[in-house]
PDB file of N, CA and C in Angstrom:
ATOM      1  N   MET A   1      16.355  31.831   3.239  1.00  0.00           N
ATOM      2  CA  MET A   1      15.860  32.828   3.830  1.00  0.00           C
ATOM      3  C   MET A   1      17.133  32.835   5.159  1.00  0.00           C
ATOM      4  N   ALA A   2      18.370  32.575   5.869  1.00  0.00           N
ATOM      5  CA  ALA A   2      19.260  32.698   6.461  1.00  0.00           C
ATOM      6  C   ALA A   2      20.073  34.585   5.614  1.00  0.00           C
ATOM      7  N   GLU A   3      19.799  34.313   4.155  1.00  0.00           N
ATOM      8  CA  GLU A   3      20.573  35.158   3.342  1.00  0.00           C
ATOM      9  C   GLU A   3      20.132  36.616   4.035  1.00  0.00           C
ATOM     10  N   ALA A   4      18.393  36.027   3.900  1.00  0.00           N
ATOM     11  CA  ALA A   4      17.430  37.431   4.050  1.00  0.00           C
ATOM     12  C   ALA A   4      17.931  38.074   5.431  1.00  0.00           C
ATOM     13  N   VAL A   5      18.069  37.211   6.706  1.00  0.00           N
ATOM     14  CA  VAL A   5      18.398  37.493   7.670  1.00  0.00           C
ATOM     15  C   VAL A   5      19.635  38.266   7.854  1.00  0.00           C
ATOM     16  N   ASP A   6      20.574  37.323   6.894  1.00  0.00           N
ATOM     17  CA  ASP A   6      21.955  38.492   6.867  1.00  0.00           C
ATOM     18  C   ASP A   6      22.077  39.252   6.781  1.00  0.00           C
ATOM     19  N   SER A   7      21.455  39.681   5.572  1.00  0.00           N
ATOM     20  CA  SER A   7      21.235  41.128   4.489  1.00  0.00           C
ATOM     21  C   SER A   7      20.941  41.927   5.984  1.00  0.00           C
ATOM     22  N   LEU A   8      19.599  41.871   6.541  1.00  0.00           N
ATOM     23  CA  LEU A   8      18.801  42.748   7.305  1.00  0.00           C
ATOM     24  C   LEU A   8      20.146  43.018   8.993  1.00  0.00           C
ATOM     25  N   GLU A   9      20.510  42.132   8.910  1.00  0.00           N
ATOM     26  CA  GLU A   9      21.678  42.208  10.729  1.00  0.00           C
ATOM     27  C   GLU A   9      22.738  42.702   9.787  1.00  0.00           C
ATOM     28  N   LYS A  10      23.194  43.430   8.700  1.00  0.00           N
ATOM     29  CA  LYS A  10      24.431  43.535   8.143  1.00  0.00           C
ATOM     30  C   LYS A  10      23.991  45.117   7.364  1.00  0.00           C
ATOM     31  N   GLY A  11      22.683  45.539   7.971  1.00  0.00           N
ATOM     32  CA  GLY A  11      22.704  47.492   7.885  1.00  0.00           C
ATOM     33  C   GLY A  11      21.718  47.529   6.513  1.00  0.00           C
ATOM     34  N   LYS A  12      21.369  46.192   5.686  1.00  0.00           N
ATOM     35  CA  LYS A  12      21.107  46.723   4.786  1.00  0.00           C
ATOM     36  C   LYS A  12      19.110  47.059   5.232  1.00  0.00           C
ATOM     37  N   ARG A  13      18.820  48.344   4.331  1.00  0.00           N
ATOM     38  CA  ARG A  13      17.320  48.710   5.161  1.00  0.00           C
ATOM     39  C   ARG A  13      16.046  47.451   4.661  1.00  0.00           C
ATOM     40  N   LYS A  14      14.965  47.630   5.467  1.00  0.00           N
ATOM     41  CA  LYS A  14      14.271  46.547   4.388  1.00  0.00           C
ATOM     42  C   LYS A  14      12.986  47.501   3.101  1.00  0.00           C
ATOM     43  N   GLU A  15      13.036  46.453   2.392  1.00  0.00           N
ATOM     44  CA  GLU A  15      12.469  47.244   1.494  1.00  0.00           C
ATOM     45  C   GLU A  15      10.575  47.882   1.734  1.00  0.00           C
ATOM     46  N   GLY A  16      10.477  48.717   0.617  1.00  0.00           N
ATOM     47  CA  GLY A  16       8.931  49.021   1.675  1.00  0.00           C
ATOM     48  C   GLY A  16       8.108  48.470   0.508  1.00  0.00           C
ATOM     49  N   VAL A  17       7.300  48.930   0.691  1.00  0.00           N
ATOM     50  CA  VAL A  17       5.830  48.108  -0.348  1.00  0.00           C
ATOM     51  C   VAL A  17       5.854  49.021  -1.480  1.00  0.00           C
ATOM     52  N   GLY A  18       5.732  50.537  -1.337  1.00  0.00           N
ATOM     53  CA  GLY A  18       5.668  51.251  -2.663  1.00  0.00           C
ATOM     54  C   GLY A  18       6.907  50.729  -3.433  1.00  0.00           C
ATOM     55  N   GLU A  19       8.539  50.581  -2.910  1.00  0.00           N
ATOM     56  CA  GLU A  19       9.491  49.663  -3.763  1.00  0.00           C
ATOM     57  C   GLU A  19       8.634  49.118  -4.142  1.00  0.00           C
ATOM     58  N   PHE A  20       8.524  47.648  -3.257  1.00  0.00           N
ATOM     59  CA  PHE A  20       8.204  46.556  -3.910  1.00  0.00           C
ATOM     60  C   PHE A  20       7.430  46.195  -5.033  1.00  0.00           C
ATOM     61  N   ILE A  21       6.118  47.093  -5.071  1.00  0.00           N
ATOM     62  CA  ILE A  21       5.565  47.285  -5.729  1.00  0.00           C
ATOM     63  C   ILE A  21       5.990  47.291  -7.028  1.00  0.00           C
ATOM     64  N   ARG A  22       6.731  49.037  -7.160  1.00  0.00           N
ATOM     65  CA  ARG A  22       7.488  49.238  -8.703  1.00  0.00           C
ATOM     66  C   ARG A  22       8.499  47.894  -8.635  1.00  0.00           C
ATOM     67  N   HIS A  23       9.044  47.446  -8.134  1.00  0.00           N
ATOM     68  CA  HIS A  23       9.672  46.150  -8.373  1.00  0.00           C
ATOM     69  C   HIS A  23       9.021  44.976  -8.653  1.00  0.00           C
ATOM     70  N   THR A  24       8.040  44.614  -8.625  1.00  0.00           N
ATOM     71  CA  THR A  24       6.793  44.221  -9.554  1.00  0.00           C
ATOM     72  C   THR A  24       6.779  44.367 -10.632  1.00  0.00           C
ATOM     73  N   ARG A  25       5.795  45.411 -10.955  1.00  0.00           N
ATOM     74  CA  ARG A  25       5.879  45.777 -11.852  1.00  0.00           C
ATOM     75  C   ARG A  25       6.564  45.738 -13.057  1.00  0.00           C
ATOM     76  N   GLU A  26       7.960  46.157 -12.429  1.00  0.00           N
ATOM     77  CA  GLU A  26       9.472  46.754 -13.319  1.00  0.00           C
ATOM     78  C   GLU A  26       9.025  44.787 -14.245  1.00  0.00           C
ATOM     79  N   GLU A  27       9.235  44.356 -12.944  1.00  0.00           N
ATOM     80  CA  GLU A  27       9.592  42.379 -13.440  1.00  0.00           C
ATOM     81  C   GLU A  27       8.969  42.113 -14.453  1.00  0.00           C
ATOM     82  N   LEU A  28       7.341  42.146 -14.307  1.00  0.00           N
ATOM     83  CA  LEU A  28       5.679  42.002 -15.501  1.00  0.00           C
ATOM     84  C   LEU A  28       6.305  42.813 -16.578  1.00  0.00           C
ATOM     85  N   ASP A  29       7.125  43.968 -16.788  1.00  0.00           N
ATOM     86  CA  ASP A  29       7.096  44.411 -17.780  1.00  0.00           C
ATOM     87  C   ASP A  29       8.684  42.937 -18.839  1.00  0.00           C
ATOM     88  N   ARG A  30       9.396  42.756 -18.084  1.00  0.00           N
ATOM     89  CA  ARG A  30       9.987  41.910 -18.610  1.00  0.00           C
ATOM     90  C   ARG A  30       9.557  40.713 -18.439  1.00  0.00           C
ATOM     91  N   THR A  31       8.290  39.997 -18.600  1.00  0.00           N
ATOM     92  CA  THR A  31       7.726  38.832 -18.396  1.00  0.00           C
ATOM     93  C   THR A  31       7.204  38.744 -19.963  1.00  0.00           C
ATOM     94  N   THR A  32       7.114  37.785 -20.511  1.00  0.00           N
ATOM     95  CA  THR A  32       6.836  37.336 -21.932  1.00  0.00           C
ATOM     96  C   THR A  32       5.364  36.107 -21.750  1.00  0.00           C
ATOM     97  N   PHE A  33       4.569  36.465 -22.324  1.00  0.00           N
ATOM     98  CA  PHE A  33       3.550  35.648 -21.920  1.00  0.00           C
ATOM     99  C   PHE A  33       3.145  34.618 -24.028  1.00  0.00           C
ATOM    100  N   PRO A  34       2.814  33.081 -23.672  1.00  0.00           N
ATOM    101  CA  PRO A  34       2.523  32.499 -24.627  1.00  0.00           C
ATOM    102  C   PRO A  34       1.539  33.295 -25.067  1.00  0.00           C
ATOM    103  N   SER A  35       1.384  32.942 -26.990  1.00  0.00           N
ATOM    104  CA  SER A  35       0.672  33.776 -27.533  1.00  0.00           C
ATOM    105  C   SER A  35      -0.797  32.991 -27.650  1.00  0.00           C
ATOM    106  N   SER A  36      -2.118  32.570 -28.220  1.00  0.00           N
ATOM    107  CA  SER A  36      -3.386  32.618 -27.542  1.00  0.00           C
ATOM    108  C   SER A  36      -3.315  30.994 -28.748  1.00  0.00           C
ATOM    109  N   SER A  37      -2.343  30.744 -29.801  1.00  0.00           N
ATOM    110  CA  SER A  37      -2.041  29.703 -30.797  1.00  0.00           C
ATOM    111  C   SER A  37      -1.116  28.697 -30.108  1.00  0.00           C
ATOM    112  N   ASP A  38      -0.409  29.086 -29.418  1.00  0.00           N
ATOM    113  CA  ASP A  38       0.812  28.444 -28.416  1.00  0.00           C
ATOM    114  C   ASP A  38       0.101  27.704 -27.457  1.00  0.00           C
ATOM    115  N   VAL A  39      -1.251  27.999 -26.701  1.00  0.00           N
ATOM    116  CA  VAL A  39      -2.081  27.629 -25.622  1.00  0.00           C
ATOM    117  C   VAL A  39      -2.763  27.034 -26.052  1.00  0.00           C
ATOM    118  N   LYS A  40      -3.571  27.449 -27.230  1.00  0.00           N
ATOM    119  CA  LYS A  40      -4.614  26.036 -27.736  1.00  0.00           C
ATOM    120  C   LYS A  40      -3.535  24.788 -27.573  1.00  0.00           C
ATOM    121  N   ASN A  41      -2.337  24.920 -29.152  1.00  0.00           N
ATOM    122  CA  ASN A  41      -1.885  23.718 -29.180  1.00  0.00           C
ATOM    123  C   ASN A  41      -1.393  23.204 -28.209  1.00  0.00           C
ATOM    124  N   THR A  42      -0.805  23.248 -27.004  1.00  0.00           N
ATOM    125  CA  THR A  42      -0.479  22.847 -26.085  1.00  0.00           C
ATOM    126  C   THR A  42      -1.298  22.116 -25.389  1.00  0.00           C
ATOM    127  N   THR A  43      -2.837  22.870 -25.245  1.00  0.00           N
ATOM    128  CA  THR A  43      -4.022  22.330 -24.683  1.00  0.00           C
ATOM    129  C   THR A  43      -4.576  21.378 -25.599  1.00  0.00           C
ATOM    130  N   ILE A  44      -4.134  21.171 -26.398  1.00  0.00           N
ATOM    131  CA  ILE A  44      -4.402  19.782 -27.356  1.00  0.00           C
ATOM    132  C   ILE A  44      -3.752  18.767 -26.962  1.00  0.00           C
ATOM    133  N   ILE A  45      -2.286  19.324 -27.310  1.00  0.00           N
ATOM    134  CA  ILE A  45      -1.208  17.942 -26.974  1.00  0.00           C
ATOM    135  C   ILE A  45      -1.357  17.277 -25.475  1.00  0.00           C
ATOM    136  N   VAL A  46      -1.979  18.241 -24.788  1.00  0.00           N
ATOM    137  CA  VAL A  46      -2.620  17.341 -23.482  1.00  0.00           C
ATOM    138  C   VAL A  46      -3.013  16.356 -23.060  1.00  0.00           C
ATOM    139  N   ILE A  47      -4.393  17.188 -23.949  1.00  0.00           N
ATOM    140  CA  ILE A  47      -5.343  16.372 -24.117  1.00  0.00           C
ATOM    141  C   ILE A  47      -4.958  14.658 -24.775  1.00  0.00           C
ATOM    142  N   ILE A  48      -4.658  15.410 -25.944  1.00  0.00           N
ATOM    143  CA  ILE A  48      -4.508  14.145 -26.514  1.00  0.00           C
ATOM    144  C   ILE A  48      -3.077  13.205 -25.372  1.00  0.00           C
ATOM    145  N   ALA A  49      -2.120  13.458 -25.224  1.00  0.00           N
ATOM    146  CA  ALA A  49      -1.892  12.441 -23.886  1.00  0.00           C
ATOM    147  C   ALA A  49      -2.469  11.720 -23.071  1.00  0.00           C
ATOM    148  N   VAL A  50      -3.226  12.646 -22.359  1.00  0.00           N
ATOM    149  CA  VAL A  50      -3.922  11.679 -21.306  1.00  0.00           C
ATOM    150  C   VAL A  50      -4.868  11.295 -21.615  1.00  0.00           C
ATOM    151  N   ILE A  51      -6.121  11.322 -23.261  1.00  0.00           N
ATOM    152  CA  ILE A  51      -6.460  10.476 -23.639  1.00  0.00           C
ATOM    153  C   ILE A  51      -5.464   8.490 -24.044  1.00  0.00           C
ATOM    154  N   PHE A  52      -4.766   8.801 -24.830  1.00  0.00           N
ATOM    155  CA  PHE A  52      -3.864   8.217 -24.939  1.00  0.00           C
ATOM    156  C   PHE A  52      -3.075   7.085 -23.660  1.00  0.00           C
ATOM    157  N   PHE A  53      -2.894   7.629 -22.586  1.00  0.00           N
ATOM    158  CA  PHE A  53      -1.945   6.906 -21.699  1.00  0.00           C
ATOM    159  C   PHE A  53      -3.435   6.631 -20.825  1.00  0.00           C
ATOM    160  N   ALA A  54      -4.290   6.953 -21.081  1.00  0.00           N
ATOM    161  CA  ALA A  54      -6.094   6.742 -20.196  1.00  0.00           C
ATOM    162  C   ALA A  54      -6.163   4.787 -20.862  1.00  0.00           C
ATOM    163  N   VAL A  55      -6.347   5.594 -22.409  1.00  0.00           N
ATOM    164  CA  VAL A  55      -6.689   4.338 -23.290  1.00  0.00           C
ATOM    165  C   VAL A  55      -5.264   2.909 -22.589  1.00  0.00           C
ATOM    166  N   TYR A  56      -4.088   3.029 -22.784  1.00  0.00           N
ATOM    167  CA  TYR A  56      -2.557   2.490 -22.595  1.00  0.00           C
ATOM    168  C   TYR A  56      -3.245   1.824 -21.210  1.00  0.00           C
ATOM    169  N   LEU A  57      -3.438   2.883 -20.304  1.00  0.00           N
ATOM    170  CA  LEU A  57      -3.618   2.136 -18.768  1.00  0.00           C
ATOM    171  C   LEU A  57      -4.720   0.950 -18.480  1.00  0.00           C
ATOM    172  N   PHE A  58      -5.916   1.253 -19.630  1.00  0.00           N
ATOM    173  CA  PHE A  58      -7.032   0.539 -19.494  1.00  0.00           C
ATOM    174  C   PHE A  58      -6.639  -0.623 -19.758  1.00  0.00           C
ATOM    175  N   VAL A  59      -6.190  -0.452 -21.083  1.00  0.00           N
ATOM    176  CA  VAL A  59      -5.399  -1.919 -22.193  1.00  0.00           C
ATOM    177  C   VAL A  59      -4.692  -2.918 -20.819  1.00  0.00           C
ATOM    178  N   ILE A  60      -3.738  -2.640 -19.916  1.00  0.00           N
ATOM    179  CA  ILE A  60      -2.605  -3.072 -19.266  1.00  0.00           C
ATOM    180  C   ILE A  60      -3.312  -3.660 -18.360  1.00  0.00           C
ATOM    181  N   ASP A  61      -4.248  -2.270 -17.513  1.00  0.00           N
ATOM    182  CA  ASP A  61      -4.687  -3.141 -16.649  1.00  0.00           C
ATOM    183  C   ASP A  61      -5.712  -4.704 -17.152  1.00  0.00           C
ATOM    184  N   ASN A  62      -6.396  -4.223 -18.435  1.00  0.00           N
ATOM    185  CA  ASN A  62      -7.778  -5.659 -18.094  1.00  0.00           C
ATOM    186  C   ASN A  62      -6.728  -6.534 -18.925  1.00  0.00           C
ATOM    187  N   ALA A  63      -5.636  -6.805 -19.652  1.00  0.00           N
ATOM    188  CA  ALA A  63      -4.286  -8.032 -19.645  1.00  0.00           C
ATOM    189  C   ALA A  63      -4.112  -7.896 -18.871  1.00  0.00           C
ATOM    190  N   TRP A  64      -3.960  -7.914 -17.291  1.00  0.00           N
ATOM    191  CA  TRP A  64      -2.901  -8.566 -16.505  1.00  0.00           C
ATOM    192  C   TRP A  64      -4.057  -8.857 -15.341  1.00  0.00           C
ATOM    193  N   LYS A  65      -5.752  -7.912 -15.580  1.00  0.00           N
ATOM    194  CA  LYS A  65      -6.892  -9.043 -14.810  1.00  0.00           C
ATOM    195  C   LYS A  65      -7.210 -10.626 -15.686  1.00  0.00           C
ATOM    196  N   TYR A  66      -6.571 -10.594 -16.912  1.00  0.00           N
ATOM    197  CA  TYR A  66      -6.640 -11.858 -17.733  1.00  0.00           C
ATOM    198  C   TYR A  66      -5.969 -12.525 -17.587  1.00  0.00           C
ATOM    199  N   PHE A  67      -4.594 -12.172 -17.045  1.00  0.00           N
ATOM    200  CA  PHE A  67      -3.948 -13.085 -17.445  1.00  0.00           C
ATOM    201  C   PHE A  67      -3.894 -13.448 -15.857  1.00  0.00           C
ATOM    202  N   LEU A  68      -4.687 -12.833 -14.695  1.00  0.00           N
ATOM    203  CA  LEU A  68      -4.528 -13.737 -13.485  1.00  0.00           C
ATOM    204  C   LEU A  68      -5.613 -13.916 -13.056  1.00  0.00           C
ATOM    205  N   ASP A  69      -6.158 -14.081 -13.321  1.00  0.00           N
ATOM    206  CA  ASP A  69      -7.583 -14.622 -13.420  1.00  0.00           C
ATOM    207  C   ASP A  69      -7.275 -16.059 -14.402  1.00  0.00           C
ATOM    208  N   GLY A  70      -6.850 -16.307 -15.542  1.00  0.00           N
ATOM    209  CA  GLY A  70      -6.338 -18.006 -15.906  1.00  0.00           C
ATOM    210  C   GLY A  70      -5.156 -17.826 -15.254  1.00  0.00           C
ATOM    211  N   PHE A  71      -4.539 -17.533 -14.163  1.00  0.00           N
ATOM    212  CA  PHE A  71      -3.286 -18.105 -13.548  1.00  0.00           C
ATOM    213  C   PHE A  71      -4.134 -18.629 -12.358  1.00  0.00           C
ATOM    214  N   THR A  72      -5.093 -18.245 -12.041  1.00  0.00           N
ATOM    215  CA  THR A  72      -6.086 -18.296 -10.597  1.00  0.00           C
ATOM    216  C   THR A  72      -6.548 -19.657 -10.897  1.00  0.00           C
ATOM    217  N   TRP A  73      -7.057 -19.718 -12.488  1.00  0.00           N
ATOM    218  CA  TRP A  73      -8.007 -20.958 -12.535  1.00  0.00           C
ATOM    219  C   TRP A  73      -7.209 -22.331 -12.616  1.00  0.00           C
ATOM    220  N   VAL A  74      -5.755 -21.418 -13.140  1.00  0.00           N
ATOM    221  CA  VAL A  74      -5.111 -23.215 -13.377  1.00  0.00           C
ATOM    222  C   VAL A  74      -4.164 -23.627 -11.736  1.00  0.00           C
ATOM    223  N   ILE A  75      -4.044 -22.574 -11.050  1.00  0.00           N
ATOM    224  CA  ILE A  75      -3.623 -23.161  -9.706  1.00  0.00           C
ATOM    225  C   ILE A  75      -5.175 -23.632  -8.348  1.00  0.00           C
ATOM    226  N   ASN A  76      -6.370 -23.133  -9.471  1.00  0.00           N
ATOM    227  CA  ASN A  76      -7.315 -23.854  -8.791  1.00  0.00           C
ATOM    228  C   ASN A  76      -7.160 -25.563  -9.287  1.00  0.00           C
ATOM    229  N   LYS A  77      -7.394 -25.531 -10.689  1.00  0.00           N
ATOM    230  CA  LYS A  77      -7.403 -26.633 -11.172  1.00  0.00           C
ATOM    231  C   LYS A  77      -6.990 -27.781 -10.702  1.00  0.00           C
ATOM    232  N   ILE A  78      -4.764 -27.153 -10.357  1.00  0.00           N
ATOM    233  CA  ILE A  78      -3.997 -27.882  -9.761  1.00  0.00           C
ATOM    234  C   ILE A  78      -4.510 -28.200  -8.967  1.00  0.00           C
ATOM    235  N   ALA A  79      -4.267 -27.408  -7.643  1.00  0.00           N
ATOM    236  CA  ALA A  79      -4.913 -27.716  -6.283  1.00  0.00           C
ATOM    237  C   ALA A  79      -6.330 -28.657  -5.969  1.00  0.00           C
ATOM    238  N   GLY A  80      -6.987 -28.747  -6.853  1.00  0.00           N
ATOM    239  CA  GLY A  80      -8.012 -29.198  -6.661  1.00  0.00           C
ATOM    240  C   GLY A  80      -9.556 -28.695  -6.311  1.00  0.00           C
ATOM    241  N   TYR A  81      -9.715 -27.712  -7.148  1.00  0.00           N
ATOM    242  CA  TYR A  81     -10.945 -27.082  -6.270  1.00  0.00           C
ATOM    243  C   TYR A  81     -11.876 -26.851  -7.633  1.00  0.00           C
TER     244      TYR A  81
END
């Protein structure tokens, strides 16, 4: 932000709307987009990863639940409840 202010203060003129649009179109012409197969493959990988981590976290969560339930049971037996 400070660079933009400095450049304006040093006498450089501000870019007009037409010039901005022209520069934007030039930049978009240099841009490459993924192919349809790339998008499909990436989507499949993301879906598989989400399912894997959902199952993994479900298993870990239930394992902790059973561990803590058992630990609580042992503590209650020791305490005499």
